Amino acid sequence: MNKRGQETRKHIKKCACSLFAEKGFKEVTMKDICEVAKLSRGGLYCHYESTRQVFQEIVDDMTREQDNEIDLRIERMGLTDMNLMK
């Protein structure tokens, strides 16, 4: 995916995340995301098939960020996998 596509997906996720927080997952529609993200339905469906897919990618991103933060903190503490196993 090119940089523009990546930026569009990032924008969609940011808009959708706000909607999910405000309305709850079950109440958000693809139409809602289109309106907030200022995209046509075709533009949105080019990137995502459903609200579930958008939500899942947001969760995956958050999980990855948490994993990276944990790894960084462990590294800063000077711990290794071997030390953690003891």
N, C-alpha and C. Protein backbone atom coordinates (compact mmCIF):
# COMPACT_ATOMS: atom_id res chain seq x y z
N MET A 1 0.84 -1.18 0.00
CA MET A 1 0.00 0.00 0.00
C MET A 1 0.88 1.24 0.00
N ASN A 2 0.50 2.21 -0.81
CA ASN A 2 1.31 3.43 -0.90
C ASN A 2 1.05 4.33 0.31
N LYS A 3 1.85 5.38 0.40
CA LYS A 3 1.78 6.28 1.55
C LYS A 3 0.42 6.94 1.67
N ARG A 4 -0.16 7.33 0.55
CA ARG A 4 -1.47 7.98 0.58
C ARG A 4 -2.53 7.03 1.14
N GLY A 5 -2.47 5.77 0.71
CA GLY A 5 -3.39 4.76 1.22
C GLY A 5 -3.23 4.54 2.71
N GLN A 6 -1.99 4.52 3.15
CA GLN A 6 -1.72 4.35 4.58
C GLN A 6 -2.26 5.53 5.38
N GLU A 7 -2.08 6.73 4.85
CA GLU A 7 -2.58 7.93 5.54
C GLU A 7 -4.11 7.93 5.58
N THR A 8 -4.73 7.48 4.50
CA THR A 8 -6.20 7.40 4.47
C THR A 8 -6.70 6.42 5.51
N ARG A 9 -6.07 5.25 5.60
CA ARG A 9 -6.47 4.26 6.60
C ARG A 9 -6.29 4.80 8.01
N LYS A 10 -5.21 5.50 8.23
CA LYS A 10 -4.95 6.10 9.54
C LYS A 10 -6.06 7.10 9.89
N HIS A 11 -6.45 7.93 8.91
CA HIS A 11 -7.51 8.92 9.10
C HIS A 11 -8.84 8.21 9.40
N ILE A 12 -9.14 7.18 8.66
CA ILE A 12 -10.38 6.41 8.88
C ILE A 12 -10.40 5.86 10.30
N LYS A 13 -9.30 5.25 10.72
CA LYS A 13 -9.24 4.66 12.06
C LYS A 13 -9.40 5.70 13.15
N LYS A 14 -8.80 6.86 12.95
CA LYS A 14 -8.92 7.94 13.94
C LYS A 14 -10.37 8.38 14.07
N CYS A 15 -11.03 8.58 12.93
CA CYS A 15 -12.43 8.99 12.94
C CYS A 15 -13.31 7.90 13.54
N ALA A 16 -13.08 6.68 13.13
CA ALA A 16 -13.88 5.56 13.63
C ALA A 16 -13.68 5.36 15.13
N CYS A 17 -12.48 5.53 15.60
CA CYS A 17 -12.19 5.36 17.03
C CYS A 17 -13.02 6.35 17.84
N SER A 18 -13.11 7.57 17.39
CA SER A 18 -13.92 8.58 18.07
C SER A 18 -15.39 8.17 18.09
N LEU A 19 -15.86 7.68 16.96
CA LEU A 19 -17.25 7.23 16.88
C LEU A 19 -17.52 6.05 17.80
N PHE A 20 -16.62 5.07 17.81
CA PHE A 20 -16.80 3.90 18.67
C PHE A 20 -16.83 4.33 20.14
N ALA A 21 -15.98 5.26 20.50
CA ALA A 21 -15.95 5.73 21.89
C ALA A 21 -17.23 6.48 22.24
N GLU A 22 -17.74 7.24 21.30
CA GLU A 22 -18.94 8.05 21.53
C GLU A 22 -20.23 7.23 21.52
N LYS A 23 -20.37 6.36 20.52
CA LYS A 23 -21.64 5.67 20.30
C LYS A 23 -21.64 4.20 20.70
N GLY A 24 -20.45 3.61 20.81
CA GLY A 24 -20.36 2.18 21.05
C GLY A 24 -20.27 1.44 19.72
N PHE A 25 -19.57 0.32 19.72
CA PHE A 25 -19.30 -0.42 18.49
C PHE A 25 -20.57 -0.76 17.72
N LYS A 26 -21.58 -1.29 18.41
CA LYS A 26 -22.78 -1.77 17.73
C LYS A 26 -23.59 -0.66 17.06
N GLU A 27 -23.41 0.56 17.49
CA GLU A 27 -24.21 1.66 16.95
C GLU A 27 -23.54 2.38 15.78
N VAL A 28 -22.28 2.08 15.51
CA VAL A 28 -21.55 2.77 14.44
C VAL A 28 -21.75 2.03 13.12
N THR A 29 -22.07 2.79 12.09
CA THR A 29 -22.25 2.22 10.75
C THR A 29 -21.14 2.72 9.83
N MET A 30 -21.00 2.05 8.71
CA MET A 30 -20.04 2.51 7.71
C MET A 30 -20.42 3.91 7.23
N LYS A 31 -21.72 4.18 7.15
CA LYS A 31 -22.18 5.51 6.74
C LYS A 31 -21.70 6.57 7.74
N ASP A 32 -21.77 6.25 9.04
CA ASP A 32 -21.28 7.18 10.07
C ASP A 32 -19.80 7.49 9.85
N ILE A 33 -19.04 6.44 9.60
CA ILE A 33 -17.59 6.62 9.40
C ILE A 33 -17.34 7.47 8.16
N CYS A 34 -18.08 7.22 7.09
CA CYS A 34 -17.94 8.01 5.86
C CYS A 34 -18.17 9.49 6.14
N GLU A 35 -19.23 9.78 6.88
CA GLU A 35 -19.57 11.18 7.17
C GLU A 35 -18.50 11.88 7.97
N VAL A 36 -18.03 11.22 9.02
CA VAL A 36 -17.01 11.84 9.88
C VAL A 36 -15.67 11.95 9.17
N ALA A 37 -15.32 10.92 8.41
CA ALA A 37 -14.03 10.91 7.71
C ALA A 37 -14.08 11.71 6.40
N LYS A 38 -15.29 12.14 6.03
CA LYS A 38 -15.49 12.89 4.78
C LYS A 38 -15.00 12.09 3.56
N LEU A 39 -15.46 10.84 3.52
CA LEU A 39 -15.13 9.93 2.41
C LEU A 39 -16.42 9.43 1.78
N SER A 40 -16.34 9.10 0.52
CA SER A 40 -17.47 8.44 -0.13
C SER A 40 -17.52 7.00 0.38
N ARG A 41 -18.67 6.36 0.19
CA ARG A 41 -18.77 4.96 0.60
C ARG A 41 -17.77 4.11 -0.17
N GLY A 42 -17.62 4.39 -1.47
CA GLY A 42 -16.65 3.64 -2.27
C GLY A 42 -15.24 3.83 -1.75
N GLY A 43 -14.92 5.05 -1.34
CA GLY A 43 -13.60 5.33 -0.78
C GLY A 43 -13.34 4.55 0.49
N LEU A 44 -14.36 4.47 1.35
CA LEU A 44 -14.21 3.72 2.60
C LEU A 44 -14.12 2.22 2.34
N TYR A 45 -15.03 1.72 1.48
CA TYR A 45 -15.04 0.28 1.20
C TYR A 45 -13.81 -0.17 0.42
N CYS A 46 -13.11 0.75 -0.18
CA CYS A 46 -11.83 0.43 -0.83
C CYS A 46 -10.80 -0.03 0.21
N HIS A 47 -10.94 0.49 1.43
CA HIS A 47 -9.99 0.19 2.50
C HIS A 47 -10.49 -0.84 3.50
N TYR A 48 -11.80 -0.83 3.78
CA TYR A 48 -12.37 -1.72 4.79
C TYR A 48 -13.69 -2.30 4.32
N GLU A 49 -13.95 -3.54 4.69
CA GLU A 49 -15.19 -4.21 4.30
C GLU A 49 -16.33 -3.98 5.28
N SER A 50 -15.98 -3.67 6.54
CA SER A 50 -17.02 -3.56 7.57
C SER A 50 -16.51 -2.76 8.77
N THR A 51 -17.45 -2.37 9.63
CA THR A 51 -17.05 -1.69 10.87
C THR A 51 -16.24 -2.65 11.74
N ARG A 52 -16.58 -3.93 11.68
CA ARG A 52 -15.84 -4.93 12.45
C ARG A 52 -14.36 -4.95 12.05
N GLN A 53 -14.10 -4.86 10.75
CA GLN A 53 -12.72 -4.87 10.27
C GLN A 53 -11.98 -3.62 10.73
N VAL A 54 -12.64 -2.47 10.68
CA VAL A 54 -12.02 -1.22 11.15
C VAL A 54 -11.71 -1.35 12.64
N PHE A 55 -12.70 -1.80 13.41
CA PHE A 55 -12.53 -1.95 14.85
C PHE A 55 -11.40 -2.92 15.18
N GLN A 56 -11.35 -4.05 14.48
CA GLN A 56 -10.32 -5.05 14.73
C GLN A 56 -8.93 -4.48 14.46
N GLU A 57 -8.81 -3.67 13.41
CA GLU A 57 -7.49 -3.08 13.12
C GLU A 57 -7.10 -2.06 14.18
N ILE A 58 -8.07 -1.33 14.71
CA ILE A 58 -7.79 -0.38 15.80
C ILE A 58 -7.29 -1.16 17.02
N VAL A 59 -7.98 -2.24 17.36
CA VAL A 59 -7.58 -3.07 18.51
C VAL A 59 -6.18 -3.66 18.28
N ASP A 60 -5.94 -4.16 17.07
CA ASP A 60 -4.62 -4.72 16.75
C ASP A 60 -3.52 -3.67 16.90
N ASP A 61 -3.79 -2.46 16.42
CA ASP A 61 -2.81 -1.38 16.55
C ASP A 61 -2.53 -1.06 18.02
N MET A 62 -3.58 -0.99 18.82
CA MET A 62 -3.41 -0.69 20.25
C MET A 62 -2.63 -1.79 20.96
N THR A 63 -2.92 -3.03 20.60
CA THR A 63 -2.21 -4.16 21.20
C THR A 63 -0.73 -4.12 20.83
N ARG A 64 -0.46 -3.83 19.57
CA ARG A 64 0.93 -3.75 19.11
C ARG A 64 1.66 -2.62 19.84
N GLU A 65 1.00 -1.48 20.02
CA GLU A 65 1.62 -0.36 20.74
C GLU A 65 1.92 -0.74 22.19
N GLN A 66 0.99 -1.44 22.83
CA GLN A 66 1.21 -1.89 24.21
C GLN A 66 2.37 -2.87 24.29
N ASP A 67 2.42 -3.81 23.36
CA ASP A 67 3.53 -4.78 23.33
C ASP A 67 4.86 -4.07 23.16
N ASN A 68 4.91 -3.09 22.28
CA ASN A 68 6.15 -2.33 22.06
C ASN A 68 6.55 -1.57 23.31
N GLU A 69 5.58 -0.98 24.00
CA GLU A 69 5.86 -0.24 25.23
C GLU A 69 6.40 -1.17 26.31
N ILE A 70 5.80 -2.33 26.44
CA ILE A 70 6.26 -3.31 27.43
C ILE A 70 7.68 -3.75 27.11
N ASP A 71 7.95 -4.05 25.84
CA ASP A 71 9.30 -4.46 25.43
C ASP A 71 10.31 -3.37 25.73
N LEU A 72 9.95 -2.13 25.48
CA LEU A 72 10.85 -1.00 25.73
C LEU A 72 11.15 -0.87 27.22
N ARG A 73 10.13 -0.99 28.04
CA ARG A 73 10.34 -0.88 29.49
C ARG A 73 11.20 -2.02 30.02
N ILE A 74 10.97 -3.22 29.51
CA ILE A 74 11.79 -4.36 29.92
C ILE A 74 13.24 -4.13 29.52
N GLU A 75 13.46 -3.64 28.32
CA GLU A 75 14.81 -3.35 27.85
C GLU A 75 15.48 -2.29 28.71
N ARG A 76 14.75 -1.24 29.06
CA ARG A 76 15.30 -0.16 29.90
C ARG A 76 15.69 -0.67 31.28
N MET A 77 14.97 -1.67 31.76
CA MET A 77 15.27 -2.23 33.07
C MET A 77 16.44 -3.21 33.01
N GLY A 78 16.91 -3.49 31.80
CA GLY A 78 18.04 -4.39 31.63
C GLY A 78 17.68 -5.85 31.75
N LEU A 79 16.40 -6.13 31.62
CA LEU A 79 15.97 -7.53 31.72
C LEU A 79 16.03 -8.18 30.36
N THR A 80 16.28 -9.46 30.37
CA THR A 80 16.30 -10.25 29.14
C THR A 80 15.29 -11.37 29.28
N ASP A 81 15.04 -12.07 28.19
CA ASP A 81 14.14 -13.21 28.24
C ASP A 81 14.62 -14.24 29.25
N MET A 82 15.91 -14.44 29.33
CA MET A 82 16.47 -15.43 30.25
C MET A 82 16.23 -14.99 31.69
N ASN A 83 16.40 -13.70 31.99
CA ASN A 83 16.16 -13.21 33.36
C ASN A 83 14.69 -13.36 33.73
N LEU A 84 13.81 -13.16 32.78
CA LEU A 84 12.39 -13.26 33.07
C LEU A 84 11.95 -14.69 33.34
N MET A 85 12.69 -15.65 32.82
CA MET A 85 12.34 -17.06 32.98
C MET A 85 12.78 -17.61 34.32
N LYS A 86 13.66 -16.92 35.01
CA LYS A 86 14.18 -17.42 36.31
C LYS A 86 13.14 -17.29 37.39
